[in-house]
C-alpha atoms as a PDB file:
ATOM      1  CA  MET A   1    -204.588  61.597-196.380  1.00  0.00           C
ATOM      2  CA  ASN A   2    -205.427  58.785-198.804  1.00  0.00           C
ATOM      3  CA  SER A   3    -208.897  60.271-199.266  1.00  0.00           C
ATOM      4  CA  LEU A   4    -207.285  63.525-200.374  1.00  0.00           C
ATOM      5  CA  ARG A   5    -205.100  61.745-202.901  1.00  0.00           C
ATOM      6  CA  ARG A   6    -208.144  60.021-204.429  1.00  0.00           C
ATOM      7  CA  HIS A   7    -209.547  63.426-205.293  1.00  0.00           C
ATOM      8  CA  ILE A   8    -206.446  64.738-207.085  1.00  0.00           C
ATOM      9  CA  PRO A   9    -207.769  63.914-210.614  1.00  0.00           C
ATOM     10  CA  ARG A  10    -211.002  65.815-209.924  1.00  0.00           C
ATOM     11  CA  LEU A  11    -209.035  68.717-208.455  1.00  0.00           C
ATOM     12  CA  SER A  12    -206.862  68.802-211.553  1.00  0.00           C
ATOM     13  CA  THR A  13    -209.986  69.262-213.646  1.00  0.00           C
ATOM     14  CA  ASN A  14    -210.999  72.159-211.441  1.00  0.00           C
ATOM     15  CA  PHE A  15    -207.496  73.615-211.909  1.00  0.00           C
ATOM     16  CA  GLN A  16    -207.981  73.553-215.676  1.00  0.00           C
ATOM     17  CA  ASN A  17    -211.384  75.231-215.529  1.00  0.00           C
ATOM     18  CA  ILE A  18    -210.272  78.007-213.204  1.00  0.00           C
ATOM     19  CA  TYR A  19    -206.919  78.417-214.892  1.00  0.00           C
ATOM     20  CA  LYS A  20    -208.547  79.098-218.267  1.00  0.00           C
ATOM     21  CA  PHE A  21    -210.696  81.722-216.607  1.00  0.00           C
ATOM     22  CA  SER A  22    -207.748  83.216-214.706  1.00  0.00           C
ATOM     23  CA  GLN A  23    -205.717  83.743-217.883  1.00  0.00           C
ATOM     24  CA  ARG A  24    -208.194  86.430-218.922  1.00  0.00           C
ATOM     25  CA  TRP A  25    -207.758  88.603-215.856  1.00  0.00           C
ATOM     26  CA  ALA A  26    -204.776  87.506-213.728  1.00  0.00           C
ATOM     27  CA  SER A  27    -202.782  90.696-214.282  1.00  0.00           C
ATOM     28  CA  THR A  28    -202.827  92.407-210.872  1.00  0.00           C
ATOM     29  CA  ARG A  29    -202.341  91.352-207.254  1.00  0.00           C
ATOM     30  CA  ASP A  30    -206.114  91.559-206.810  1.00  0.00           C
ATOM     31  CA  ASP A  31    -206.540  89.099-209.686  1.00  0.00           C
ATOM     32  CA  VAL A  32    -204.023  86.718-208.125  1.00  0.00           C
ATOM     33  CA  ARG A  33    -205.884  86.890-204.813  1.00  0.00           C
ATOM     34  CA  ARG A  34    -209.187  86.120-206.543  1.00  0.00           C
ATOM     35  CA  TYR A  35    -207.683  83.057-208.204  1.00  0.00           C
ATOM     36  CA  GLN A  36    -206.164  81.826-204.949  1.00  0.00           C
ATOM     37  CA  ASN A  37    -209.481  82.233-203.165  1.00  0.00           C
ATOM     38  CA  GLU A  38    -211.323  80.348-205.904  1.00  0.00           C
ATOM     39  CA  LEU A  39    -209.041  77.368-205.272  1.00  0.00           C
ATOM     40  CA  PHE A  40    -209.269  77.747-201.491  1.00  0.00           C
ATOM     41  CA  GLU A  41    -213.064  77.717-201.599  1.00  0.00           C
ATOM     42  CA  LEU A  42    -213.182  74.716-203.934  1.00  0.00           C
ATOM     43  CA  GLU A  43    -210.920  72.680-201.655  1.00  0.00           C
ATOM     44  CA  LYS A  44    -212.693  73.848-198.512  1.00  0.00           C
ATOM     45  CA  LYS A  45    -216.035  72.727-199.964  1.00  0.00           C
ATOM     46  CA  ARG A  46    -214.575  69.425-201.180  1.00  0.00           C
ATOM     47  CA  GLN A  47    -213.246  68.613-197.740  1.00  0.00           C
ATOM     48  CA  ARG A  48    -216.524  69.547-196.095  1.00  0.00           C
ATOM     49  CA  ASP A  49    -218.477  67.354-198.553  1.00  0.00           C
ATOM     50  CA  ALA A  50    -216.059  64.457-197.957  1.00  0.00           C
ATOM     51  CA  VAL A  51    -216.959  64.233-194.268  1.00  0.00           C
ATOM     52  CA  GLY A  52    -219.928  62.019-195.123  1.00  0.00           C
ATOM     53  CA  ARG A  53    -221.941  60.562-192.260  1.00  0.00           C
ATOM     54  CA  ILE A  54    -221.750  62.777-189.204  1.00  0.00           C
ATOM     55  CA  GLU A  55    -220.251  61.102-186.124  1.00  0.00           C
ATOM     56  CA  LYS A  56    -220.712  62.403-182.597  1.00  0.00           C
ATOM     57  CA  ILE A  57    -217.778  62.919-180.218  1.00  0.00           C
ATOM     58  CA  GLU A  58    -217.483  64.060-176.614  1.00  0.00           C
ATOM     59  CA  VAL A  59    -215.450  67.157-175.830  1.00  0.00           C
ATOM     60  CA  ARG A  60    -214.681  67.562-172.135  1.00  0.00           C
ATOM     61  CA  TYR A  61    -214.308  71.284-171.484  1.00  0.00           C
ATOM     62  CA  LEU A  62    -212.027  72.195-168.578  1.00  0.00           C
ATOM     63  CA  GLY A  63    -212.278  75.748-167.284  1.00  0.00           C
ATOM     64  CA  LEU A  64    -214.556  78.545-166.123  1.00  0.00           C
ATOM     65  CA  PRO A  65    -217.371  78.804-165.308  1.00  0.00           C
ATOM     66  CA  GLU A  66    -217.297  75.027-164.725  1.00  0.00           C
ATOM     67  CA  ASP A  67    -216.109  71.825-166.336  1.00  0.00           C
ATOM     68  CA  CYS A  68    -218.640  70.239-168.658  1.00  0.00           C
ATOM     69  CA  THR A  69    -219.001  67.692-171.452  1.00  0.00           C
ATOM     70  CA  LEU A  70    -220.223  68.820-174.866  1.00  0.00           C
ATOM     71  CA  VAL A  71    -221.458  66.490-177.603  1.00  0.00           C
ATOM     72  CA  MET A  72    -220.042  67.791-180.895  1.00  0.00           C
ATOM     73  CA  ASN A  73    -219.665  66.685-184.529  1.00  0.00           C
ATOM     74  CA  LYS A  74    -216.439  64.955-185.568  1.00  0.00           C
ATOM     75  CA  ASN A  75    -214.499  66.763-188.336  1.00  0.00           C
ATOM     76  CA  LEU A  76    -217.040  69.608-188.304  1.00  0.00           C
ATOM     77  CA  SER A  77    -217.292  71.176-184.844  1.00  0.00           C
ATOM     78  CA  THR A  78    -214.499  73.447-183.628  1.00  0.00           C
ATOM     79  CA  PRO A  79    -213.294  74.909-180.312  1.00  0.00           C
ATOM     80  CA  TYR A  80    -215.059  78.124-181.309  1.00  0.00           C
ATOM     81  CA  ASN A  81    -218.335  76.194-181.578  1.00  0.00           C
ATOM     82  CA  CYS A  82    -217.732  74.949-178.035  1.00  0.00           C
ATOM     83  CA  ALA A  83    -217.075  78.522-176.913  1.00  0.00           C
ATOM     84  CA  GLN A  84    -220.455  79.475-178.406  1.00  0.00           C
ATOM     85  CA  HIS A  85    -222.090  76.993-176.016  1.00  0.00           C
ATOM     86  CA  LEU A  86    -220.330  78.648-173.072  1.00  0.00           C
ATOM     87  CA  SER A  87    -220.590  82.453-173.404  1.00  0.00           C
ATOM     88  CA  ASP A  88    -219.834  85.458-175.581  1.00  0.00           C
ATOM     89  CA  VAL A  89    -216.822  86.155-173.363  1.00  0.00           C
ATOM     90  CA  HIS A  90    -215.290  82.806-174.291  1.00  0.00           C
ATOM     91  CA  CYS A  91    -215.922  83.522-177.980  1.00  0.00           C
ATOM     92  CA  ASN A  92    -214.426  87.000-177.878  1.00  0.00           C
ATOM     93  CA  ARG A  93    -211.392  86.413-175.645  1.00  0.00           C
ATOM     94  CA  SER A  94    -210.134  82.924-176.557  1.00  0.00           C
ATOM     95  CA  ALA A  95    -206.965  83.058-178.660  1.00  0.00           C
ATOM     96  CA  ILE A  96    -206.253  79.349-179.180  1.00  0.00           C
ATOM     97  CA  ALA A  97    -207.355  76.007-177.777  1.00  0.00           C
ATOM     98  CA  LEU A  98    -205.392  73.326-175.958  1.00  0.00           C
ATOM     99  CA  ILE A  99    -206.406  69.750-176.770  1.00  0.00           C
ATOM    100  CA  ASP A 100    -205.766  66.886-174.331  1.00  0.00           C
ATOM    101  CA  GLY A 101    -203.604  69.195-172.249  1.00  0.00           C
ATOM    102  CA  THR A 102    -200.693  69.246-174.709  1.00  0.00           C
ATOM    103  CA  ILE A 103    -201.738  70.056-178.292  1.00  0.00           C
ATOM    104  CA  PRO A 104    -202.175  73.713-179.369  1.00  0.00           C
ATOM    105  CA  TRP A 105    -205.201  73.894-181.653  1.00  0.00           C
ATOM    106  CA  ASP A 106    -206.758  76.594-183.849  1.00  0.00           C
ATOM    107  CA  MET A 107    -210.106  77.954-182.677  1.00  0.00           C
ATOM    108  CA  HIS A 108    -211.680  77.248-186.077  1.00  0.00           C
ATOM    109  CA  ARG A 109    -210.025  73.870-186.728  1.00  0.00           C
ATOM    110  CA  PRO A 110    -212.476  70.930-186.543  1.00  0.00           C
ATOM    111  CA  PHE A 111    -211.989  68.275-183.855  1.00  0.00           C
ATOM    112  CA  GLU A 112    -210.714  64.941-185.125  1.00  0.00           C
ATOM    113  CA  ASP A 113    -211.818  62.838-182.148  1.00  0.00           C
ATOM    114  CA  SER A 114    -213.084  62.990-178.569  1.00  0.00           C
ATOM    115  CA  CYS A 115    -210.774  65.044-176.369  1.00  0.00           C
ATOM    116  CA  THR A 116    -210.393  67.452-173.488  1.00  0.00           C
ATOM    117  CA  LEU A 117    -210.506  71.156-174.290  1.00  0.00           C
ATOM    118  CA  GLN A 118    -209.067  74.258-172.666  1.00  0.00           C
ATOM    119  CA  LEU A 119    -209.563  77.736-174.107  1.00  0.00           C
ATOM    120  CA  LEU A 120    -206.516  79.968-173.735  1.00  0.00           C
ATOM    121  CA  ASN A 121    -206.521  83.756-173.688  1.00  0.00           C
ATOM    122  CA  PHE A 122    -203.728  86.263-173.123  1.00  0.00           C
ATOM    123  CA  THR A 123    -204.323  86.610-169.385  1.00  0.00           C
ATOM    124  CA  VAL A 124    -204.049  82.944-168.369  1.00  0.00           C
ATOM    125  CA  ALA A 125    -201.412  81.988-165.804  1.00  0.00           C
ATOM    126  CA  GLU A 126    -199.195  80.458-168.521  1.00  0.00           C
ATOM    127  CA  PRO A 127    -199.699  82.598-171.665  1.00  0.00           C
ATOM    128  CA  TYR A 128    -196.715  81.169-173.587  1.00  0.00           C
ATOM    129  CA  LEU A 129    -198.734  79.315-176.250  1.00  0.00           C
ATOM    130  CA  ALA A 130    -201.219  82.155-176.676  1.00  0.00           C
ATOM    131  CA  ASN A 131    -198.391  84.692-176.984  1.00  0.00           C
ATOM    132  CA  ARG A 132    -196.635  82.640-179.664  1.00  0.00           C
ATOM    133  CA  ALA A 133    -199.891  82.310-181.608  1.00  0.00           C
ATOM    134  CA  PHE A 134    -200.380  86.083-181.314  1.00  0.00           C
ATOM    135  CA  TRP A 135    -196.860  86.888-182.560  1.00  0.00           C
ATOM    136  CA  ARG A 136    -197.215  84.401-185.426  1.00  0.00           C
ATOM    137  CA  SER A 137    -200.600  85.851-186.359  1.00  0.00           C
ATOM    138  CA  CYS A 138    -199.164  89.383-186.333  1.00  0.00           C
ATOM    139  CA  SER A 139    -196.507  88.298-188.846  1.00  0.00           C
ATOM    140  CA  PHE A 140    -199.231  86.770-190.992  1.00  0.00           C
ATOM    141  CA  MET A 141    -201.266  89.988-190.833  1.00  0.00           C
ATOM    142  CA  LEU A 142    -198.170  92.037-191.643  1.00  0.00           C
ATOM    143  CA  GLY A 143    -197.719  89.989-194.821  1.00  0.00           C
ATOM    144  CA  ALA A 144    -201.354  90.662-195.717  1.00  0.00           C
ATOM    145  CA  ALA A 145    -200.910  94.391-195.100  1.00  0.00           C
ATOM    146  CA  LEU A 146    -197.718  94.606-197.162  1.00  0.00           C
ATOM    147  CA  SER A 147    -199.362  92.825-200.089  1.00  0.00           C
ATOM    148  CA  LYS A 148    -202.088  95.505-200.202  1.00  0.00           C
ATOM    149  CA  VAL A 149    -200.435  98.853-199.472  1.00  0.00           C
ATOM    150  CA  PHE A 150    -198.203  99.000-202.555  1.00  0.00           C
ATOM    151  CA  LYS A 151    -199.353 100.058-205.999  1.00  0.00           C
ATOM    152  CA  ASP A 152    -199.444  97.395-208.715  1.00  0.00           C
ATOM    153  CA  SER A 153    -196.489  99.123-210.375  1.00  0.00           C
ATOM    154  CA  VAL A 154    -194.346  98.000-207.423  1.00  0.00           C
ATOM    155  CA  ASN A 155    -193.243  94.384-207.699  1.00  0.00           C
ATOM    156  CA  ILE A 156    -193.516  93.090-204.131  1.00  0.00           C
ATOM    157  CA  GLN A 157    -193.131  89.401-203.337  1.00  0.00           C
ATOM    158  CA  LEU A 158    -193.749  87.934-199.897  1.00  0.00           C
ATOM    159  CA  HIS A 159    -190.905  85.643-198.892  1.00  0.00           C
ATOM    160  CA  SER A 160    -191.599  84.281-195.403  1.00  0.00           C
ATOM    161  CA  PHE A 161    -191.680  85.027-191.691  1.00  0.00           C
ATOM    162  CA  PRO A 162    -189.479  83.444-189.004  1.00  0.00           C
ATOM    163  CA  SER A 163    -190.796  81.315-186.189  1.00  0.00           C
ATOM    164  CA  PRO A 164    -192.177  83.611-183.479  1.00  0.00           C
ATOM    165  CA  ASN A 165    -189.820  84.638-180.687  1.00  0.00           C
ATOM    166  CA  VAL A 166    -191.514  86.998-178.237  1.00  0.00           C
ATOM    167  CA  LYS A 167    -188.191  87.776-176.536  1.00  0.00           C
ATOM    168  CA  SER A 168    -186.877  89.253-179.798  1.00  0.00           C
ATOM    169  CA  GLY A 169    -189.167  92.236-179.266  1.00  0.00           C
ATOM    170  CA  SER A 170    -190.742  92.247-182.741  1.00  0.00           C
ATOM    171  CA  PHE A 171    -192.733  90.230-185.255  1.00  0.00           C
ATOM    172  CA  VAL A 172    -191.305  90.030-188.764  1.00  0.00           C
ATOM    173  CA  TYR A 173    -192.070  89.550-192.438  1.00  0.00           C
ATOM    174  CA  ASP A 174    -189.347  89.322-195.116  1.00  0.00           C
ATOM    175  CA  ILE A 175    -190.177  90.584-198.596  1.00  0.00           C
ATOM    176  CA  SER A 176    -188.550  91.400-201.911  1.00  0.00           C
ATOM    177  CA  LEU A 177    -189.080  94.699-203.730  1.00  0.00           C
ATOM    178  CA  ASN A 178    -188.019  96.013-207.118  1.00  0.00           C
ATOM    179  CA  HIS A 179    -186.424  98.943-205.275  1.00  0.00           C
ATOM    180  CA  GLN A 180    -182.881  98.737-203.984  1.00  0.00           C
ATOM    181  CA  ASN A 181    -183.006 101.732-201.717  1.00  0.00           C
ATOM    182  CA  TRP A 182    -186.408 101.587-200.016  1.00  0.00           C
ATOM    183  CA  LYS A 183    -186.435 103.777-196.932  1.00  0.00           C
ATOM    184  CA  PRO A 184    -190.059 104.357-195.896  1.00  0.00           C
ATOM    185  CA  ASN A 185    -190.827 107.516-193.943  1.00  0.00           C
ATOM    186  CA  LYS A 186    -192.966 107.627-190.792  1.00  0.00           C
ATOM    187  CA  GLU A 187    -196.147 108.307-192.754  1.00  0.00           C
ATOM    188  CA  GLU A 188    -195.594 105.258-194.968  1.00  0.00           C
ATOM    189  CA  LEU A 189    -194.938 103.073-191.927  1.00  0.00           C
ATOM    190  CA  ARG A 190    -198.133 104.380-190.322  1.00  0.00           C
ATOM    191  CA  THR A 191    -199.993 103.378-193.494  1.00  0.00           C
ATOM    192  CA  ILE A 192    -198.873  99.766-193.011  1.00  0.00           C
ATOM    193  CA  SER A 193    -199.842  99.887-189.325  1.00  0.00           C
ATOM    194  CA  ALA A 194    -203.240 101.312-190.258  1.00  0.00           C
ATOM    195  CA  GLU A 195    -203.844  98.466-192.703  1.00  0.00           C
ATOM    196  CA  MET A 196    -203.344  95.971-189.883  1.00  0.00           C
ATOM    197  CA  VAL A 197    -205.706  97.935-187.640  1.00  0.00           C
ATOM    198  CA  LYS A 198    -208.315  97.851-190.430  1.00  0.00           C
ATOM    199  CA  MET A 199    -208.030  94.065-190.538  1.00  0.00           C
ATOM    200  CA  ALA A 200    -208.520  93.926-186.763  1.00  0.00           C
ATOM    201  CA  ALA A 201    -211.661  96.058-187.043  1.00  0.00           C
ATOM    202  CA  LYS A 202    -213.114  93.617-189.599  1.00  0.00           C
ATOM    203  CA  ASP A 203    -212.913  90.707-187.117  1.00  0.00           C
ATOM    204  CA  LEU A 204    -211.618  88.263-189.737  1.00  0.00           C
ATOM    205  CA  LYS A 205    -211.218  84.675-188.628  1.00  0.00           C
ATOM    206  CA  PHE A 206    -208.048  82.718-189.372  1.00  0.00           C
ATOM    207  CA  GLU A 207    -209.136  79.807-191.557  1.00  0.00           C
ATOM    208  CA  ARG A 208    -206.877  76.757-191.589  1.00  0.00           C
ATOM    209  CA  LEU A 209    -206.796  74.352-194.530  1.00  0.00           C
ATOM    210  CA  GLU A 210    -204.532  71.372-195.149  1.00  0.00           C
ATOM    211  CA  VAL A 211    -204.029  70.838-198.882  1.00  0.00           C
ATOM    212  CA  MET A 212    -202.093  68.488-201.118  1.00  0.00           C
ATOM    213  CA  HIS A 213    -198.702  69.650-202.368  1.00  0.00           C
ATOM    214  CA  ASP A 214    -199.907  69.906-205.981  1.00  0.00           C
ATOM    215  CA  LEU A 215    -202.778  72.158-204.980  1.00  0.00           C
ATOM    216  CA  ALA A 216    -200.431  74.358-202.933  1.00  0.00           C
ATOM    217  CA  LEU A 217    -198.200  74.738-205.996  1.00  0.00           C
ATOM    218  CA  GLU A 218    -201.197  75.922-207.997  1.00  0.00           C
ATOM    219  CA  ILE A 219    -202.391  78.319-205.298  1.00  0.00           C
ATOM    220  CA  PHE A 220    -198.950  79.926-205.117  1.00  0.00           C
ATOM    221  CA  LYS A 221    -198.126  79.704-208.816  1.00  0.00           C
ATOM    222  CA  ASP A 222    -197.647  83.487-208.929  1.00  0.00           C
ATOM    223  CA  CYS A 223    -195.510  83.544-205.764  1.00  0.00           C
ATOM    224  CA  PRO A 224    -192.003  82.352-206.735  1.00  0.00           C
ATOM    225  CA  PHE A 225    -190.552  82.253-203.208  1.00  0.00           C
ATOM    226  CA  LYS A 226    -193.506  80.269-201.862  1.00  0.00           C
ATOM    227  CA  ARG A 227    -193.195  77.746-204.684  1.00  0.00           C
ATOM    228  CA  GLU A 228    -189.486  77.318-203.949  1.00  0.00           C
ATOM    229  CA  GLN A 229    -190.206  76.698-200.266  1.00  0.00           C
ATOM    230  CA  LEU A 230    -193.035  74.194-200.711  1.00  0.00           C
ATOM    231  CA  PRO A 231    -190.865  71.060-201.215  1.00  0.00           C
ATOM    232  CA  SER A 232    -189.144  71.736-197.879  1.00  0.00           C
ATOM    233  CA  ILE A 233    -192.380  72.621-196.090  1.00  0.00           C
ATOM    234  CA  SER A 234    -194.520  69.764-197.392  1.00  0.00           C
ATOM    235  CA  LYS A 235    -195.110  66.982-194.846  1.00  0.00           C
ATOM    236  CA  ASP A 236    -196.401  63.629-196.083  1.00  0.00           C
ATOM    237  CA  GLY A 237    -197.410  65.330-199.311  1.00  0.00           C
ATOM    238  CA  SER A 238    -199.539  68.039-197.679  1.00  0.00           C
ATOM    239  CA  VAL A 239    -199.157  71.701-196.785  1.00  0.00           C
ATOM    240  CA  ILE A 240    -201.007  73.806-194.209  1.00  0.00           C
ATOM    241  CA  ILE A 241    -202.256  77.177-195.394  1.00  0.00           C
ATOM    242  CA  TYR A 242    -204.268  79.906-193.690  1.00  0.00           C
ATOM    243  CA  ARG A 243    -206.601  82.639-194.875  1.00  0.00           C
ATOM    244  CA  ILE A 244    -207.790  85.933-193.395  1.00  0.00           C
ATOM    245  CA  GLY A 245    -210.175  87.846-195.620  1.00  0.00           C
ATOM    246  CA  ASP A 246    -208.785  87.229-199.100  1.00  0.00           C
ATOM    247  CA  HIS A 247    -205.130  86.831-198.059  1.00  0.00           C
ATOM    248  CA  ILE A 248    -203.671  83.297-198.158  1.00  0.00           C
ATOM    249  CA  ASP A 249    -200.258  82.248-196.863  1.00  0.00           C
ATOM    250  CA  ILE A 250    -198.366  79.220-195.576  1.00  0.00           C
ATOM    251  CA  SER A 251    -197.806  78.384-191.906  1.00  0.00           C
ATOM    252  CA  ARG A 252    -198.023  75.371-189.641  1.00  0.00           C
ATOM    253  CA  GLY A 253    -199.797  77.534-187.059  1.00  0.00           C
ATOM    254  CA  PRO A 254    -201.651  77.602-184.853  1.00  0.00           C
ATOM    255  CA  MET A 255    -202.969  81.117-185.335  1.00  0.00           C
ATOM    256  CA  MET A 256    -205.179  83.124-182.989  1.00  0.00           C
ATOM    257  CA  GLY A 257    -208.901  82.855-183.636  1.00  0.00           C
ATOM    258  CA  SER A 258    -209.552  86.296-185.126  1.00  0.00           C
ATOM    259  CA  THR A 259    -207.838  89.466-186.266  1.00  0.00           C
ATOM    260  CA  ALA A 260    -210.036  91.284-183.727  1.00  0.00           C
ATOM    261  CA  LEU A 261    -207.670  90.115-180.977  1.00  0.00           C
ATOM    262  CA  LEU A 262    -205.056  92.561-182.280  1.00  0.00           C
ATOM    263  CA  GLY A 263    -204.906  95.737-180.227  1.00  0.00           C
ATOM    264  CA  ARG A 264    -202.317  98.472-180.429  1.00  0.00           C
ATOM    265  CA  CYS A 265    -199.896  97.977-183.341  1.00  0.00           C
ATOM    266  CA  THR A 266    -196.831  99.762-184.715  1.00  0.00           C
ATOM    267  CA  ILE A 267    -194.783  98.944-187.811  1.00  0.00           C
ATOM    268  CA  GLY A 268    -191.564 100.816-187.200  1.00  0.00           C
ATOM    269  CA  GLY A 269    -188.575  98.986-188.635  1.00  0.00           C
ATOM    270  CA  VAL A 270    -187.493  98.259-192.216  1.00  0.00           C
ATOM    271  CA  PHE A 271    -184.022  96.859-192.874  1.00  0.00           C
ATOM    272  CA  LYS A 272    -182.399  96.035-196.186  1.00  0.00           C
ATOM    273  CA  ILE A 273    -180.994  92.516-196.104  1.00  0.00           C
ATOM    274  CA  SER A 274    -179.300  92.152-199.489  1.00  0.00           C
ATOM    275  CA  ASP A 275    -179.656  92.686-203.231  1.00  0.00           C
ATOM    276  CA  ILE A 276    -181.181  89.803-205.166  1.00  0.00           C
ATOM    277  CA  ASN A 277    -180.251  91.051-208.625  1.00  0.00           C
ATOM    278  CA  LYS A 278    -179.803  94.384-210.395  1.00  0.00           C
ATOM    279  CA  THR A 279    -183.340  95.552-209.577  1.00  0.00           C
ATOM    280  CA  ASP A 280    -184.700  93.621-206.578  1.00  0.00           C
ATOM    281  CA  SER A 281    -183.688  93.477-202.919  1.00  0.00           C
ATOM    282  CA  PHE A 282    -184.693  91.649-199.754  1.00  0.00           C
ATOM    283  CA  TYR A 283    -186.090  93.694-196.862  1.00  0.00           C
ATOM    284  CA  ARG A 284    -187.068  92.791-193.308  1.00  0.00           C
ATOM    285  CA  VAL A 285    -190.182  94.595-192.068  1.00  0.00           C
ATOM    286  CA  GLN A 286    -190.914  94.371-188.360  1.00  0.00           C
ATOM    287  CA  GLY A 287    -193.368  95.648-185.821  1.00  0.00           C
ATOM    288  CA  VAL A 288    -194.680  95.360-182.297  1.00  0.00           C
ATOM    289  CA  ALA A 289    -198.243  94.889-181.078  1.00  0.00           C
ATOM    290  CA  LEU A 290    -200.357  94.166-178.035  1.00  0.00           C
ATOM    291  CA  PRO A 291    -203.401  91.928-177.702  1.00  0.00           C
ATOM    292  CA  ARG A 292    -206.646  93.879-177.583  1.00  0.00           C
ATOM    293  CA  ASP A 293    -207.220  93.344-173.847  1.00  0.00           C
ATOM    294  CA  ILE A 294    -203.660  94.279-172.790  1.00  0.00           C
ATOM    295  CA  ILE A 295    -203.254  97.974-171.959  1.00  0.00           C
ATOM    296  CA  LEU A 296    -199.910  99.764-171.534  1.00  0.00           C
ATOM    297  CA  ASN A 297    -199.255 103.437-170.837  1.00  0.00           C
ATOM    298  CA  HIS A 298    -197.597 105.576-173.487  1.00  0.00           C
ATOM    299  CA  TYR A 299    -194.147 105.438-171.871  1.00  0.00           C
ATOM    300  CA  ALA A 300    -194.076 101.659-171.508  1.00  0.00           C
ATOM    301  CA  TYR A 301    -195.332 101.122-175.063  1.00  0.00           C
ATOM    302  CA  GLY A 302    -192.682 103.551-176.289  1.00  0.00           C
ATOM    303  CA  ILE A 303    -190.008 101.254-174.859  1.00  0.00           C
ATOM    304  CA  LEU A 304    -191.432  98.398-176.933  1.00  0.00           C
ATOM    305  CA  GLU A 305    -191.440 100.617-180.016  1.00  0.00           C
ATOM    306  CA  ASP A 306    -187.777 101.456-179.494  1.00  0.00           C
ATOM    307  CA  ARG A 307    -186.870  97.772-179.689  1.00  0.00           C
ATOM    308  CA  ILE A 308    -188.145  97.432-183.261  1.00  0.00           C
ATOM    309  CA  LYS A 309    -185.591 100.017-184.395  1.00  0.00           C
ATOM    310  CA  GLU A 310    -182.986  97.266-184.158  1.00  0.00           C
ATOM    311  CA  MET A 311    -183.029  94.469-186.708  1.00  0.00           C
ATOM    312  CA  ASN A 312    -184.585  91.247-185.456  1.00  0.00           C
ATOM    313  CA  PRO A 313    -181.828  88.572-185.337  1.00  0.00           C
ATOM    314  CA  ALA A 314    -184.064  85.766-186.648  1.00  0.00           C
ATOM    315  CA  ARG A 315    -182.980  83.672-189.614  1.00  0.00           C
ATOM    316  CA  LEU A 316    -182.687  85.647-192.847  1.00  0.00           C
ATOM    317  CA  PRO A 317    -184.249  84.636-196.183  1.00  0.00           C
ATOM    318  CA  THR A 318    -180.747  84.377-197.657  1.00  0.00           C
ATOM    319  CA  GLU A 319    -179.837  81.615-195.180  1.00  0.00           C
ATOM    320  CA  PRO A 320    -180.614  77.891-195.661  1.00  0.00           C
ATOM    321  CA  MET A 321    -184.095  77.002-194.503  1.00  0.00           C
ATOM    322  CA  ASP A 322    -184.612  74.591-191.619  1.00  0.00           C
ATOM    323  CA  LYS A 323    -188.289  73.696-191.479  1.00  0.00           C
ATOM    324  CA  ASN A 324    -187.937  72.475-187.892  1.00  0.00           C
ATOM    325  CA  VAL A 325    -187.186  75.936-186.539  1.00  0.00           C
ATOM    326  CA  TYR A 326    -188.563  78.225-189.196  1.00  0.00           C
ATOM    327  CA  GLY A 327    -192.040  79.700-189.332  1.00  0.00           C
ATOM    328  CA  TYR A 328    -193.360  76.611-191.112  1.00  0.00           C
ATOM    329  CA  GLY A 329    -191.762  74.132-188.723  1.00  0.00           C
ATOM    330  CA  LYS A 330    -192.503  72.589-185.368  1.00  0.00           C
ATOM    331  CA  LEU A 331    -193.752  74.484-182.373  1.00  0.00           C
ATOM    332  CA  ALA A 332    -190.895  75.383-180.058  1.00  0.00           C
END
């Protein structure tokens, strides 16, 4: 953490350079995304360059086809890199990793020290952690889809998504719109679902990055709700953000390894929460999905779809935020 703080002055200079450039074209959501990704890439490169001398660590893999010890690079190698040493099946099916038997870990997050490693998919005997990562990732993807399906003339702001609760029957994203009577028809809902399916087809990896609070404020400078939430979310002066494609959002994670793990998906519920002012309102958008390798017949999946027609009871954006139970907080 101290090493990150030492680089704040240099990062501030980068802010100034990019910010001057962004003033010339930051007028649409696409422009905002470009600016955010410029900052993400700069910080990602800075952290990679800061690794310095490469140290070797031992990762003891536990699982099929057999237990083995892999020699990997500290702060560079990831569980996905270990999966590459095992088989294509491990690469394609693994949702998240389990470190030292207790710590859920992103597939593309570098190891910090020697450890044991288990790769979890959605068909393991105890799929709880993988299912939570899947539900959380679906909410993240829903936010990405919502940010892209509306025209620039529509003022949409992503608020947040609650901590995943598989028993609730739906994943959720809360947004604000400059429409106080938004009632999307079936075709419009299918458009949102299709956007998520497109992301799955692109096989986009979930990239995790821990950044300083000041950098997070700059990344989300055009996202008023995110900026308001950052002081509550920040832990020891840092914030965890994720990226798929060009979409960046906040979450403590972990997320599943890739969007390709999303299978069947339906966005079927939109509920007005409350008016914010004379023009804008909060809405809860929710959906249901299955992992790619889980197959259900039409009737059974229809039962799941019926559940999203009732509003998910998770905490609303109008209620006080508790970072220990909310989407940015601890793992349940």
